[in-house]
């Protein structure tokens, strides 16, 4: 049996309808590259405990989303202009901490990367551009969707890190990074995996964890054409299968 991997949903409204959803690009990458069975986890503050989810899963994907992590989650001043999803924050941060305690494989992408930093006690820039970082990270909603997810800039990988090993020891790779928030102070217990040319942290890992990685870019959109994107999901899937097997034993 393929391991079950949880995918944290966003909560949002379409007209008067209150919905939970995850993009097909994440689901497709998990099925095709990681070779796991995705299970969607609703974003709801009605969920009092996430332990039942953790008991039944062998991995967790924290995908990107339109919303940002609420500033109150890391002691920041409220930003009324920022789109937030407190229901997702409630579920995602607890899942992140619980899974890390169990050694369960984690993959955070874009918003999920930011959730990882906050879950471990780090802080975020509410607006990286206002904080002096490059416009290379900025999404232009007027562009066609495929154009938006093109390569934006290079990142420099740390030596002997997870990403460096996945690329066969490469020092620099190109990524399709799109985001407004970014790491301000790195959370305790986290290690930097990669940085953008302007110094902004673009990838992190949980120190000492078998597979707990966060990336600021969007590998799910490039698994068909980008070697690192494909390798990232394949390695995550391998970690989930090993975790499932170890639980069975």
Protein backbone atom coordinates (compact mmCIF):
# COMPACT_ATOMS: atom_id res chain seq x y z
CA UNK A 1 0.00 0.00 0.00
CA UNK A 2 1.15 3.52 -0.74
CA UNK A 3 1.59 5.68 2.37
CA UNK A 4 -1.03 8.30 3.19
CA UNK A 5 0.27 11.87 3.16
CA UNK A 6 -1.75 14.75 4.54
CA UNK A 7 -2.13 17.97 2.55
CA UNK A 8 -3.20 20.99 4.57
CA UNK A 9 -6.04 22.87 2.88
CA UNK A 10 -6.78 26.58 2.62
CA UNK A 11 -10.13 27.93 3.76
CA UNK A 12 -11.75 30.58 1.58
CA UNK A 13 -15.04 31.80 0.18
CA UNK A 14 -16.40 31.54 -3.36
CA UNK A 15 -19.46 33.75 -3.28
CA UNK A 16 -21.37 32.64 -0.20
CA UNK A 17 -19.80 29.18 -0.15
CA UNK A 18 -17.23 28.38 2.56
CA UNK A 19 -14.68 25.95 1.05
CA UNK A 20 -11.55 23.97 1.86
CA UNK A 21 -9.18 23.21 -0.98
CA UNK A 22 -5.68 22.28 -2.17
CA UNK A 23 -4.37 22.92 -5.67
CA UNK A 24 -4.25 20.06 -8.15
CA UNK A 25 -0.55 20.76 -8.85
CA UNK A 26 0.37 19.60 -5.32
CA UNK A 27 -1.87 16.54 -5.51
CA UNK A 28 -0.45 15.61 -8.92
CA UNK A 29 3.16 15.95 -7.75
CA UNK A 30 2.50 13.75 -4.72
CA UNK A 31 0.87 11.03 -6.82
CA UNK A 32 3.20 11.12 -9.83
CA UNK A 33 6.58 11.90 -8.23
CA UNK A 34 6.35 11.04 -4.53
CA UNK A 35 4.16 8.00 -5.32
CA UNK A 36 1.97 8.46 -2.25
CA UNK A 37 -1.78 8.82 -1.70
CA UNK A 38 -2.75 12.39 -0.69
CA UNK A 39 -5.34 13.00 2.02
CA UNK A 40 -6.76 16.52 2.28
CA UNK A 41 -6.90 18.00 5.78
CA UNK A 42 -9.48 20.76 6.26
CA UNK A 43 -8.46 24.11 7.73
CA UNK A 44 -10.82 24.57 10.64
CA UNK A 45 -10.57 25.94 14.15
CA UNK A 46 -13.26 23.39 15.03
CA UNK A 47 -10.51 20.75 15.01
CA UNK A 48 -9.47 20.59 18.66
CA UNK A 49 -6.67 18.05 18.28
CA UNK A 50 -4.58 16.93 15.31
CA UNK A 51 -3.32 13.75 16.99
CA UNK A 52 -5.75 11.51 15.08
CA UNK A 53 -4.39 12.83 11.78
CA UNK A 54 -0.83 12.26 12.92
CA UNK A 55 -1.65 8.71 14.01
CA UNK A 56 -2.97 7.80 10.57
CA UNK A 57 -0.48 9.54 8.27
CA UNK A 58 3.08 8.87 7.11
CA UNK A 59 3.94 12.39 5.95
CA UNK A 60 2.64 15.94 5.66
CA UNK A 61 2.73 18.50 2.85
CA UNK A 62 2.18 22.15 3.75
CA UNK A 63 1.48 23.81 0.38
CA UNK A 64 1.54 27.40 -0.78
CA UNK A 65 -1.58 29.52 -0.60
CA UNK A 66 -2.97 32.97 -1.34
CA UNK A 67 -3.04 33.92 2.35
CA UNK A 68 -0.21 34.75 4.73
CA UNK A 69 0.54 33.56 8.26
CA UNK A 70 -1.13 35.93 10.73
CA UNK A 71 1.39 38.26 12.33
CA UNK A 72 0.01 37.53 15.81
CA UNK A 73 1.40 33.99 15.44
CA UNK A 74 4.92 35.41 15.72
CA UNK A 75 4.37 38.54 17.81
CA UNK A 76 4.11 41.01 14.95
CA UNK A 77 1.86 44.03 14.57
CA UNK A 78 -1.47 43.40 12.84
CA UNK A 79 -1.59 44.16 9.11
CA UNK A 80 -5.19 44.69 8.05
CA UNK A 81 -4.21 44.84 4.36
CA UNK A 82 -2.82 41.29 4.40
CA UNK A 83 -4.96 38.30 3.42
CA UNK A 84 -4.87 35.77 6.28
CA UNK A 85 -6.31 32.33 7.01
CA UNK A 86 -6.42 31.83 10.81
CA UNK A 87 -8.12 28.45 10.37
CA UNK A 88 -5.17 27.16 8.38
CA UNK A 89 -2.74 28.64 10.91
CA UNK A 90 -4.56 26.77 13.69
CA UNK A 91 -4.28 23.40 11.95
CA UNK A 92 -0.94 23.78 10.18
CA UNK A 93 1.17 24.98 13.09
CA UNK A 94 -0.04 22.21 15.39
CA UNK A 95 0.47 19.57 12.71
CA UNK A 96 3.96 20.89 12.01
CA UNK A 97 5.05 20.69 15.63
CA UNK A 98 3.41 17.32 16.24
CA UNK A 99 4.88 15.73 13.14
CA UNK A 100 8.36 17.06 13.91
CA UNK A 101 8.18 15.54 17.40
CA UNK A 102 7.37 12.15 15.83
CA UNK A 103 10.06 12.30 13.15
CA UNK A 104 7.36 12.25 10.46
CA UNK A 105 8.49 13.55 7.03
CA UNK A 106 7.47 17.16 6.34
CA UNK A 107 7.62 19.25 3.20
CA UNK A 108 6.69 22.94 3.40
CA UNK A 109 6.28 24.96 0.20
CA UNK A 110 6.00 28.78 0.09
CA UNK A 111 3.40 29.45 2.82
CA UNK A 112 4.33 26.06 4.26
CA UNK A 113 7.96 27.19 4.43
CA UNK A 114 6.88 30.26 6.39
CA UNK A 115 4.70 28.11 8.66
CA UNK A 116 7.72 25.96 9.45
CA UNK A 117 9.72 28.95 10.61
CA UNK A 118 6.85 30.25 12.75
CA UNK A 119 6.10 26.80 14.20
CA UNK A 120 9.68 26.65 15.49
CA UNK A 121 9.62 30.10 17.06
CA UNK A 122 10.92 32.21 14.17
CA UNK A 123 9.55 35.48 12.83
CA UNK A 124 8.62 36.78 9.39
CA UNK A 125 8.87 39.96 7.39
CA UNK A 126 5.26 40.84 6.61
CA UNK A 127 6.49 42.41 3.38
CA UNK A 128 9.97 41.45 2.22
CA UNK A 129 10.03 44.26 -0.33
CA UNK A 130 9.35 46.89 2.34
CA UNK A 131 12.19 45.24 4.31
CA UNK A 132 14.59 45.99 1.45
CA UNK A 133 14.67 42.72 -0.44
CA UNK A 134 14.61 42.34 -4.21
CA UNK A 135 11.53 42.55 -6.43
CA UNK A 136 12.64 39.24 -7.96
CA UNK A 137 10.40 37.50 -5.41
CA UNK A 138 7.29 39.49 -6.30
CA UNK A 139 4.35 37.92 -8.14
CA UNK A 140 2.63 39.89 -10.90
CA UNK A 141 -1.05 38.79 -11.00
CA UNK A 142 -1.47 40.38 -14.43
CA UNK A 143 0.85 37.77 -15.98
CA UNK A 144 -0.44 34.49 -17.37
CA UNK A 145 -0.21 31.68 -14.82
CA UNK A 146 2.52 29.75 -16.65
CA UNK A 147 4.62 32.91 -16.92
CA UNK A 148 4.26 33.59 -13.20
CA UNK A 149 5.81 30.24 -12.35
CA UNK A 150 8.93 30.66 -14.48
CA UNK A 151 12.44 30.76 -13.01
CA UNK A 152 12.85 34.03 -11.08
CA UNK A 153 16.38 33.95 -9.67
CA UNK A 154 19.20 31.69 -8.54
CA UNK A 155 19.74 30.43 -5.01
CA UNK A 156 23.00 29.37 -3.38
CA UNK A 157 22.86 26.00 -1.62
CA UNK A 158 24.76 25.32 1.59
CA UNK A 159 27.44 22.64 1.40
CA UNK A 160 26.41 19.13 2.46
CA UNK A 161 22.76 20.10 2.95
CA UNK A 162 19.72 18.11 1.83
CA UNK A 163 19.23 20.17 -1.33
CA UNK A 164 22.91 20.00 -2.20
CA UNK A 165 22.77 16.20 -1.99
CA UNK A 166 19.63 16.09 -4.15
CA UNK A 167 21.43 18.07 -6.87
CA UNK A 168 24.63 16.01 -6.73
CA UNK A 169 26.60 18.75 -4.99
CA UNK A 170 25.51 21.80 -7.02
CA UNK A 171 26.24 25.21 -5.51
CA UNK A 172 23.59 27.20 -7.38
CA UNK A 173 20.24 26.38 -8.97
CA UNK A 174 17.41 28.46 -10.44
CA UNK A 175 14.00 28.56 -8.74
CA UNK A 176 10.51 29.94 -9.35
CA UNK A 177 10.17 31.84 -6.08
CA UNK A 178 7.02 33.96 -5.55
CA UNK A 179 6.14 35.38 -2.13
CA UNK A 180 5.44 38.46 -0.04
CA UNK A 181 6.44 37.17 3.40
CA UNK A 182 9.90 35.87 4.24
CA UNK A 183 12.08 34.81 7.14
CA UNK A 184 13.16 37.63 9.46
CA UNK A 185 14.57 35.65 12.41
CA UNK A 186 15.21 31.95 11.91
CA UNK A 187 13.47 29.66 14.40
CA UNK A 188 15.58 27.72 16.93
CA UNK A 189 16.36 24.22 15.73
CA UNK A 190 16.21 25.21 12.06
CA UNK A 191 19.15 25.28 9.65
CA UNK A 192 19.51 27.30 6.44
CA UNK A 193 19.58 25.23 3.25
CA UNK A 194 19.70 28.02 0.65
CA UNK A 195 19.70 31.80 0.18
CA UNK A 196 18.71 34.16 -2.62
CA UNK A 197 21.24 36.65 -4.06
CA UNK A 198 19.79 39.40 -1.83
CA UNK A 199 20.50 37.27 1.27
CA UNK A 200 16.91 36.19 1.90
CA UNK A 201 16.58 32.64 3.21
CA UNK A 202 14.98 30.44 0.55
CA UNK A 203 15.13 26.97 2.13
CA UNK A 204 15.36 25.54 5.65
CA UNK A 205 15.45 22.17 7.37
CA UNK A 206 14.79 20.91 10.89
CA UNK A 207 18.15 20.01 12.37
CA UNK A 208 18.50 16.30 13.14
CA UNK A 209 15.19 15.32 11.49
CA UNK A 210 15.18 12.54 8.84
CA UNK A 211 13.22 14.71 6.34
CA UNK A 212 11.75 18.06 7.37
CA UNK A 213 12.38 20.61 4.65
CA UNK A 214 10.85 23.96 3.72
CA UNK A 215 11.37 25.73 0.39
CA UNK A 216 10.20 29.20 -0.56
CA UNK A 217 9.67 28.40 -4.25
CA UNK A 218 7.15 26.18 -6.10
CA UNK A 219 8.60 22.78 -7.10
CA UNK A 220 5.09 21.35 -7.59
CA UNK A 221 4.73 23.50 -10.73
CA UNK A 222 7.94 22.22 -12.38
CA UNK A 223 8.24 18.49 -11.71
CA UNK A 224 8.01 17.73 -15.44
CA UNK A 225 10.94 19.96 -16.43
CA UNK A 226 13.11 20.70 -13.38
CA UNK A 227 15.40 18.03 -11.92
CA UNK A 228 15.51 19.45 -8.38
CA UNK A 229 11.72 19.81 -8.22
CA UNK A 230 11.27 16.19 -9.21
CA UNK A 231 14.02 14.96 -6.87
CA UNK A 232 12.50 16.88 -3.97
CA UNK A 233 9.15 15.10 -4.27
CA UNK A 234 10.80 11.74 -4.94
CA UNK A 235 12.95 12.05 -1.83
CA UNK A 236 9.95 13.14 0.24
CA UNK A 237 8.05 10.07 -0.96
CA UNK A 238 10.94 7.80 -0.03
CA UNK A 239 10.97 9.30 3.45
CA UNK A 240 7.23 8.71 3.81
CA UNK A 241 7.55 5.06 2.76
CA UNK A 242 10.38 4.49 5.22
CA UNK A 243 8.35 6.14 8.00
CA UNK A 244 5.31 3.98 7.17
CA UNK A 245 7.44 0.83 7.15
CA UNK A 246 9.09 1.69 10.48
CA UNK A 247 5.68 2.24 12.08
CA UNK A 248 4.48 -1.16 10.83
CA UNK A 249 7.57 -2.90 12.20
